[in-house]
Amino acid sequence: MGRSVPTARQVMEDLAGDLERMASIMPQSQAAIMHDLVMMGRKHSAEISYSGVDPYTGFLISIIIDLYSRIMEDGQ
């Protein structure tokens, strides 16, 4: 029997695909930003899957962590 509930990684990949489709109709400069954000969201997918946190929340937290890291690197 197959899974009736998608895994956290599957949910995150579906979300990333939806966001990439959204980016496809954006102006090129904004689409590039969206692509970067999607990559940030995918960056911690293993940790999100392991933790059991809601995949959408984990995706957003992953983006926030990456943005915060970049800000701190630029500020020093």
PDB file of N, CA and C in Angstrom:
ATOM      1  N   MET A   1       0.833  -1.178   0.000  1.00  0.00           N
ATOM      2  CA  MET A   1       0.000   0.000   0.000  1.00  0.00           C
ATOM      3  C   MET A   1       0.880   1.243   0.000  1.00  0.00           C
ATOM      4  N   GLY A   2       0.405   2.263  -0.656  1.00  0.00           N
ATOM      5  CA  GLY A   2       1.144   3.515  -0.729  1.00  0.00           C
ATOM      6  C   GLY A   2       0.814   4.440   0.427  1.00  0.00           C
ATOM      7  N   ARG A   3       1.559   5.516   0.464  1.00  0.00           N
ATOM      8  CA  ARG A   3       1.316   6.524   1.506  1.00  0.00           C
ATOM      9  C   ARG A   3       0.050   7.309   1.175  1.00  0.00           C
ATOM     10  N   SER A   4      -0.735   7.579   2.191  1.00  0.00           N
ATOM     11  CA  SER A   4      -1.921   8.409   1.976  1.00  0.00           C
ATOM     12  C   SER A   4      -1.651   9.861   2.369  1.00  0.00           C
ATOM     13  N   VAL A   5      -0.552  10.085   3.079  1.00  0.00           N
ATOM     14  CA  VAL A   5      -0.180  11.429   3.518  1.00  0.00           C
ATOM     15  C   VAL A   5       1.203  11.736   2.950  1.00  0.00           C
ATOM     16  N   PRO A   6       1.358  12.873   2.270  1.00  0.00           N
ATOM     17  CA  PRO A   6       2.673  13.199   1.707  1.00  0.00           C
ATOM     18  C   PRO A   6       3.696  13.468   2.810  1.00  0.00           C
ATOM     19  N   THR A   7       4.955  13.153   2.525  1.00  0.00           N
ATOM     20  CA  THR A   7       6.031  13.435   3.471  1.00  0.00           C
ATOM     21  C   THR A   7       6.301  14.938   3.506  1.00  0.00           C
ATOM     22  N   ALA A   8       7.027  15.366   4.527  1.00  0.00           N
ATOM     23  CA  ALA A   8       7.379  16.786   4.645  1.00  0.00           C
ATOM     24  C   ALA A   8       8.163  17.234   3.424  1.00  0.00           C
ATOM     25  N   ARG A   9       9.077  16.397   2.957  1.00  0.00           N
ATOM     26  CA  ARG A   9       9.881  16.758   1.789  1.00  0.00           C
ATOM     27  C   ARG A   9       9.004  16.913   0.544  1.00  0.00           C
ATOM     28  N   GLN A  10       8.008  16.047   0.383  1.00  0.00           N
ATOM     29  CA  GLN A  10       7.098  16.163  -0.756  1.00  0.00           C
ATOM     30  C   GLN A  10       6.286  17.458  -0.682  1.00  0.00           C
ATOM     31  N   VAL A  11       5.835  17.810   0.512  1.00  0.00           N
ATOM     32  CA  VAL A  11       5.077  19.053   0.684  1.00  0.00           C
ATOM     33  C   VAL A  11       5.953  20.245   0.328  1.00  0.00           C
ATOM     34  N   MET A  12       7.216  20.235   0.801  1.00  0.00           N
ATOM     35  CA  MET A  12       8.125  21.347   0.506  1.00  0.00           C
ATOM     36  C   MET A  12       8.432  21.437  -0.984  1.00  0.00           C
ATOM     37  N   GLU A  13       8.591  20.299  -1.651  1.00  0.00           N
ATOM     38  CA  GLU A  13       8.852  20.317  -3.093  1.00  0.00           C
ATOM     39  C   GLU A  13       7.636  20.825  -3.861  1.00  0.00           C
ATOM     40  N   ASP A  14       6.441  20.458  -3.413  1.00  0.00           N
ATOM     41  CA  ASP A  14       5.219  20.989  -4.039  1.00  0.00           C
ATOM     42  C   ASP A  14       5.141  22.507  -3.871  1.00  0.00           C
ATOM     43  N   LEU A  15       5.452  22.984  -2.669  1.00  0.00           N
ATOM     44  CA  LEU A  15       5.453  24.418  -2.408  1.00  0.00           C
ATOM     45  C   LEU A  15       6.489  25.115  -3.279  1.00  0.00           C
ATOM     46  N   ALA A  16       7.685  24.546  -3.361  1.00  0.00           N
ATOM     47  CA  ALA A  16       8.744  25.135  -4.187  1.00  0.00           C
ATOM     48  C   ALA A  16       8.314  25.190  -5.653  1.00  0.00           C
ATOM     49  N   GLY A  17       7.669  24.137  -6.138  1.00  0.00           N
ATOM     50  CA  GLY A  17       7.181  24.129  -7.514  1.00  0.00           C
ATOM     51  C   GLY A  17       6.132  25.203  -7.758  1.00  0.00           C
ATOM     52  N   ASP A  18       5.224  25.359  -6.793  1.00  0.00           N
ATOM     53  CA  ASP A  18       4.202  26.408  -6.907  1.00  0.00           C
ATOM     54  C   ASP A  18       4.843  27.791  -6.956  1.00  0.00           C
ATOM     55  N   LEU A  19       5.844  28.014  -6.106  1.00  0.00           N
ATOM     56  CA  LEU A  19       6.516  29.312  -6.081  1.00  0.00           C
ATOM     57  C   LEU A  19       7.310  29.559  -7.359  1.00  0.00           C
ATOM     58  N   GLU A  20       7.907  28.514  -7.920  1.00  0.00           N
ATOM     59  CA  GLU A  20       8.634  28.658  -9.189  1.00  0.00           C
ATOM     60  C   GLU A  20       7.664  28.993 -10.324  1.00  0.00           C
ATOM     61  N   ARG A  21       6.466  28.386 -10.317  1.00  0.00           N
ATOM     62  CA  ARG A  21       5.451  28.729 -11.319  1.00  0.00           C
ATOM     63  C   ARG A  21       5.017  30.181 -11.157  1.00  0.00           C
ATOM     64  N   MET A  22       4.874  30.612  -9.920  1.00  0.00           N
ATOM     65  CA  MET A  22       4.532  32.009  -9.657  1.00  0.00           C
ATOM     66  C   MET A  22       5.624  32.922 -10.202  1.00  0.00           C
ATOM     67  N   ALA A  23       6.873  32.540 -10.006  1.00  0.00           N
ATOM     68  CA  ALA A  23       8.004  33.342 -10.484  1.00  0.00           C
ATOM     69  C   ALA A  23       8.028  33.438 -12.002  1.00  0.00           C
ATOM     70  N   SER A  24       7.483  32.428 -12.673  1.00  0.00           N
ATOM     71  CA  SER A  24       7.540  32.410 -14.137  1.00  0.00           C
ATOM     72  C   SER A  24       6.734  33.544 -14.779  1.00  0.00           C
ATOM     73  N   ILE A  25       5.803  34.132 -14.041  1.00  0.00           N
ATOM     74  CA  ILE A  25       5.020  35.240 -14.598  1.00  0.00           C
ATOM     75  C   ILE A  25       5.423  36.590 -14.004  1.00  0.00           C
ATOM     76  N   MET A  26       6.457  36.591 -13.180  1.00  0.00           N
ATOM     77  CA  MET A  26       6.952  37.833 -12.576  1.00  0.00           C
ATOM     78  C   MET A  26       7.974  38.485 -13.497  1.00  0.00           C
ATOM     79  N   PRO A  27       8.209  39.776 -13.315  1.00  0.00           N
ATOM     80  CA  PRO A  27       9.318  40.407 -14.031  1.00  0.00           C
ATOM     81  C   PRO A  27      10.622  39.677 -13.685  1.00  0.00           C
ATOM     82  N   GLN A  28      11.558  39.686 -14.613  1.00  0.00           N
ATOM     83  CA  GLN A  28      12.780  38.898 -14.472  1.00  0.00           C
ATOM     84  C   GLN A  28      13.537  39.186 -13.174  1.00  0.00           C
ATOM     85  N   SER A  29      13.628  40.451 -12.780  1.00  0.00           N
ATOM     86  CA  SER A  29      14.367  40.784 -11.558  1.00  0.00           C
ATOM     87  C   SER A  29      13.695  40.186 -10.319  1.00  0.00           C
ATOM     88  N   GLN A  30      12.375  40.207 -10.286  1.00  0.00           N
ATOM     89  CA  GLN A  30      11.648  39.635  -9.156  1.00  0.00           C
ATOM     90  C   GLN A  30      11.670  38.109  -9.197  1.00  0.00           C
ATOM     91  N   ALA A  31      11.645  37.541 -10.395  1.00  0.00           N
ATOM     92  CA  ALA A  31      11.714  36.087 -10.533  1.00  0.00           C
ATOM     93  C   ALA A  31      13.040  35.561  -9.999  1.00  0.00           C
ATOM     94  N   ALA A  32      14.118  36.308 -10.218  1.00  0.00           N
ATOM     95  CA  ALA A  32      15.431  35.903  -9.706  1.00  0.00           C
ATOM     96  C   ALA A  32      15.432  35.910  -8.177  1.00  0.00           C
ATOM     97  N   ILE A  33      14.781  36.901  -7.590  1.00  0.00           N
ATOM     98  CA  ILE A  33      14.674  36.965  -6.130  1.00  0.00           C
ATOM     99  C   ILE A  33      13.859  35.782  -5.618  1.00  0.00           C
ATOM    100  N   MET A  34      12.750  35.492  -6.281  1.00  0.00           N
ATOM    101  CA  MET A  34      11.908  34.363  -5.879  1.00  0.00           C
ATOM    102  C   MET A  34      12.690  33.056  -5.954  1.00  0.00           C
ATOM    103  N   HIS A  35      13.463  32.881  -7.013  1.00  0.00           N
ATOM    104  CA  HIS A  35      14.274  31.671  -7.157  1.00  0.00           C
ATOM    105  C   HIS A  35      15.251  31.549  -5.980  1.00  0.00           C
ATOM    106  N   ASP A  36      15.903  32.651  -5.613  1.00  0.00           N
ATOM    107  CA  ASP A  36      16.824  32.638  -4.469  1.00  0.00           C
ATOM    108  C   ASP A  36      16.094  32.256  -3.181  1.00  0.00           C
ATOM    109  N   LEU A  37      14.899  32.795  -2.978  1.00  0.00           N
ATOM    110  CA  LEU A  37      14.124  32.476  -1.778  1.00  0.00           C
ATOM    111  C   LEU A  37      13.732  30.999  -1.740  1.00  0.00           C
ATOM    112  N   VAL A  38      13.360  30.453  -2.890  1.00  0.00           N
ATOM    113  CA  VAL A  38      13.008  29.030  -2.955  1.00  0.00           C
ATOM    114  C   VAL A  38      14.222  28.178  -2.597  1.00  0.00           C
ATOM    115  N   MET A  39      15.390  28.556  -3.096  1.00  0.00           N
ATOM    116  CA  MET A  39      16.610  27.806  -2.774  1.00  0.00           C
ATOM    117  C   MET A  39      16.904  27.874  -1.273  1.00  0.00           C
ATOM    118  N   MET A  40      16.672  29.036  -0.661  1.00  0.00           N
ATOM    119  CA  MET A  40      16.865  29.172   0.787  1.00  0.00           C
ATOM    120  C   MET A  40      15.892  28.267   1.545  1.00  0.00           C
ATOM    121  N   GLY A  41      14.663  28.195   1.070  1.00  0.00           N
ATOM    122  CA  GLY A  41      13.658  27.356   1.717  1.00  0.00           C
ATOM    123  C   GLY A  41      13.989  25.881   1.652  1.00  0.00           C
ATOM    124  N   ARG A  42      14.589  25.463   0.563  1.00  0.00           N
ATOM    125  CA  ARG A  42      14.959  24.056   0.388  1.00  0.00           C
ATOM    126  C   ARG A  42      16.222  23.681   1.164  1.00  0.00           C
ATOM    127  N   LYS A  43      16.992  24.670   1.549  1.00  0.00           N
ATOM    128  CA  LYS A  43      18.319  24.438   2.123  1.00  0.00           C
ATOM    129  C   LYS A  43      18.293  23.538   3.360  1.00  0.00           C
ATOM    130  N   HIS A  44      17.293  23.662   4.194  1.00  0.00           N
ATOM    131  CA  HIS A  44      17.235  22.916   5.454  1.00  0.00           C
ATOM    132  C   HIS A  44      16.143  21.844   5.431  1.00  0.00           C
ATOM    133  N   SER A  45      15.875  21.278   4.264  1.00  0.00           N
ATOM    134  CA  SER A  45      14.776  20.310   4.152  1.00  0.00           C
ATOM    135  C   SER A  45      15.002  19.069   5.012  1.00  0.00           C
ATOM    136  N   ALA A  46      16.247  18.636   5.148  1.00  0.00           N
ATOM    137  CA  ALA A  46      16.517  17.458   5.984  1.00  0.00           C
ATOM    138  C   ALA A  46      16.174  17.739   7.448  1.00  0.00           C
ATOM    139  N   GLU A  47      16.565  18.912   7.931  1.00  0.00           N
ATOM    140  CA  GLU A  47      16.279  19.274   9.317  1.00  0.00           C
ATOM    141  C   GLU A  47      14.777  19.418   9.554  1.00  0.00           C
ATOM    142  N   ILE A  48      14.085  19.987   8.571  1.00  0.00           N
ATOM    143  CA  ILE A  48      12.640  20.166   8.684  1.00  0.00           C
ATOM    144  C   ILE A  48      11.951  18.805   8.730  1.00  0.00           C
ATOM    145  N   SER A  49      12.360  17.899   7.857  1.00  0.00           N
ATOM    146  CA  SER A  49      11.772  16.554   7.835  1.00  0.00           C
ATOM    147  C   SER A  49      12.016  15.828   9.154  1.00  0.00           C
ATOM    148  N   TYR A  50      13.228  15.939   9.668  1.00  0.00           N
ATOM    149  CA  TYR A  50      13.592  15.250  10.908  1.00  0.00           C
ATOM    150  C   TYR A  50      12.831  15.801  12.109  1.00  0.00           C
ATOM    151  N   SER A  51      12.652  17.117  12.149  1.00  0.00           N
ATOM    152  CA  SER A  51      12.065  17.759  13.330  1.00  0.00           C
ATOM    153  C   SER A  51      10.569  17.514  13.473  1.00  0.00           C
ATOM    154  N   GLY A  52       9.897  17.293  12.368  1.00  0.00           N
ATOM    155  CA  GLY A  52       8.454  17.112  12.416  1.00  0.00           C
ATOM    156  C   GLY A  52       7.675  18.417  12.419  1.00  0.00           C
ATOM    157  N   VAL A  53       8.392  19.539  12.273  1.00  0.00           N
ATOM    158  CA  VAL A  53       7.720  20.836  12.217  1.00  0.00           C
ATOM    159  C   VAL A  53       6.899  20.910  10.924  1.00  0.00           C
ATOM    160  N   ASP A  54       5.844  21.703  10.936  1.00  0.00           N
ATOM    161  CA  ASP A  54       5.023  21.895   9.745  1.00  0.00           C
ATOM    162  C   ASP A  54       5.918  22.303   8.572  1.00  0.00           C
ATOM    163  N   PRO A  55       5.831  21.629   7.420  1.00  0.00           N
ATOM    164  CA  PRO A  55       6.726  21.926   6.295  1.00  0.00           C
ATOM    165  C   PRO A  55       6.657  23.371   5.805  1.00  0.00           C
ATOM    166  N   TYR A  56       5.471  23.972   5.810  1.00  0.00           N
ATOM    167  CA  TYR A  56       5.350  25.364   5.365  1.00  0.00           C
ATOM    168  C   TYR A  56       6.068  26.302   6.340  1.00  0.00           C
ATOM    169  N   THR A  57       5.872  26.062   7.619  1.00  0.00           N
ATOM    170  CA  THR A  57       6.550  26.859   8.638  1.00  0.00           C
ATOM    171  C   THR A  57       8.055  26.656   8.551  1.00  0.00           C
ATOM    172  N   GLY A  58       8.474  25.415   8.409  1.00  0.00           N
ATOM    173  CA  GLY A  58       9.901  25.121   8.294  1.00  0.00           C
ATOM    174  C   GLY A  58      10.525  25.781   7.083  1.00  0.00           C
ATOM    175  N   PHE A  59       9.801  25.798   5.971  1.00  0.00           N
ATOM    176  CA  PHE A  59      10.281  26.439   4.746  1.00  0.00           C
ATOM    177  C   PHE A  59      10.529  27.924   5.003  1.00  0.00           C
ATOM    178  N   LEU A  60       9.570  28.584   5.660  1.00  0.00           N
ATOM    179  CA  LEU A  60       9.712  30.014   5.968  1.00  0.00           C
ATOM    180  C   LEU A  60      10.830  30.266   6.980  1.00  0.00           C
ATOM    181  N   ILE A  61      10.920  29.429   8.011  1.00  0.00           N
ATOM    182  CA  ILE A  61      11.993  29.584   9.002  1.00  0.00           C
ATOM    183  C   ILE A  61      13.348  29.411   8.335  1.00  0.00           C
ATOM    184  N   SER A  62      13.452  28.475   7.406  1.00  0.00           N
ATOM    185  CA  SER A  62      14.702  28.262   6.677  1.00  0.00           C
ATOM    186  C   SER A  62      15.111  29.520   5.911  1.00  0.00           C
ATOM    187  N   ILE A  63      14.147  30.170   5.274  1.00  0.00           N
ATOM    188  CA  ILE A  63      14.424  31.421   4.554  1.00  0.00           C
ATOM    189  C   ILE A  63      14.875  32.502   5.531  1.00  0.00           C
ATOM    190  N   ILE A  64      14.180  32.611   6.656  1.00  0.00           N
ATOM    191  CA  ILE A  64      14.536  33.628   7.648  1.00  0.00           C
ATOM    192  C   ILE A  64      15.945  33.396   8.183  1.00  0.00           C
ATOM    193  N   ILE A  65      16.292  32.153   8.479  1.00  0.00           N
ATOM    194  CA  ILE A  65      17.638  31.836   8.976  1.00  0.00           C
ATOM    195  C   ILE A  65      18.687  32.239   7.957  1.00  0.00           C
ATOM    196  N   ASP A  66      18.452  31.903   6.695  1.00  0.00           N
ATOM    197  CA  ASP A  66      19.434  32.218   5.658  1.00  0.00           C
ATOM    198  C   ASP A  66      19.574  33.726   5.466  1.00  0.00           C
ATOM    199  N   LEU A  67      18.455  34.442   5.458  1.00  0.00           N
ATOM    200  CA  LEU A  67      18.510  35.903   5.331  1.00  0.00           C
ATOM    201  C   LEU A  67      19.231  36.532   6.520  1.00  0.00           C
ATOM    202  N   TYR A  68      18.932  36.052   7.719  1.00  0.00           N
ATOM    203  CA  TYR A  68      19.587  36.569   8.919  1.00  0.00           C
ATOM    204  C   TYR A  68      21.096  36.331   8.849  1.00  0.00           C
ATOM    205  N   SER A  69      21.492  35.143   8.412  1.00  0.00           N
ATOM    206  CA  SER A  69      22.922  34.833   8.274  1.00  0.00           C
ATOM    207  C   SER A  69      23.596  35.786   7.299  1.00  0.00           C
ATOM    208  N   ARG A  70      22.928  36.067   6.185  1.00  0.00           N
ATOM    209  CA  ARG A  70      23.504  36.988   5.193  1.00  0.00           C
ATOM    210  C   ARG A  70      23.628  38.404   5.753  1.00  0.00           C
ATOM    211  N   ILE A  71      22.619  38.834   6.495  1.00  0.00           N
ATOM    212  CA  ILE A  71      22.661  40.170   7.094  1.00  0.00           C
ATOM    213  C   ILE A  71      23.814  40.266   8.087  1.00  0.00           C
ATOM    214  N   MET A  72      23.974  39.246   8.917  1.00  0.00           N
ATOM    215  CA  MET A  72      25.041  39.259   9.917  1.00  0.00           C
ATOM    216  C   MET A  72      26.421  39.235   9.259  1.00  0.00           C
ATOM    217  N   GLU A  73      26.571  38.486   8.166  1.00  0.00           N
ATOM    218  CA  GLU A  73      27.851  38.450   7.448  1.00  0.00           C
ATOM    219  C   GLU A  73      28.172  39.810   6.846  1.00  0.00           C
ATOM    220  N   ASP A  74      27.180  40.468   6.282  1.00  0.00           N
ATOM    221  CA  ASP A  74      27.395  41.781   5.666  1.00  0.00           C
ATOM    222  C   ASP A  74      27.667  42.859   6.708  1.00  0.00           C
ATOM    223  N   GLY A  75      27.098  42.704   7.900  1.00  0.00           N
ATOM    224  CA  GLY A  75      27.257  43.700   8.941  1.00  0.00           C
ATOM    225  C   GLY A  75      28.601  43.647   9.647  1.00  0.00           C
ATOM    226  N   GLN A  76      29.331  42.561   9.468  1.00  0.00           N
ATOM    227  CA  GLN A  76      30.610  42.419  10.180  1.00  0.00           C
ATOM    228  C   GLN A  76      31.788  42.696   9.324  1.00  0.00           C
TER     229      GLN A  76
END
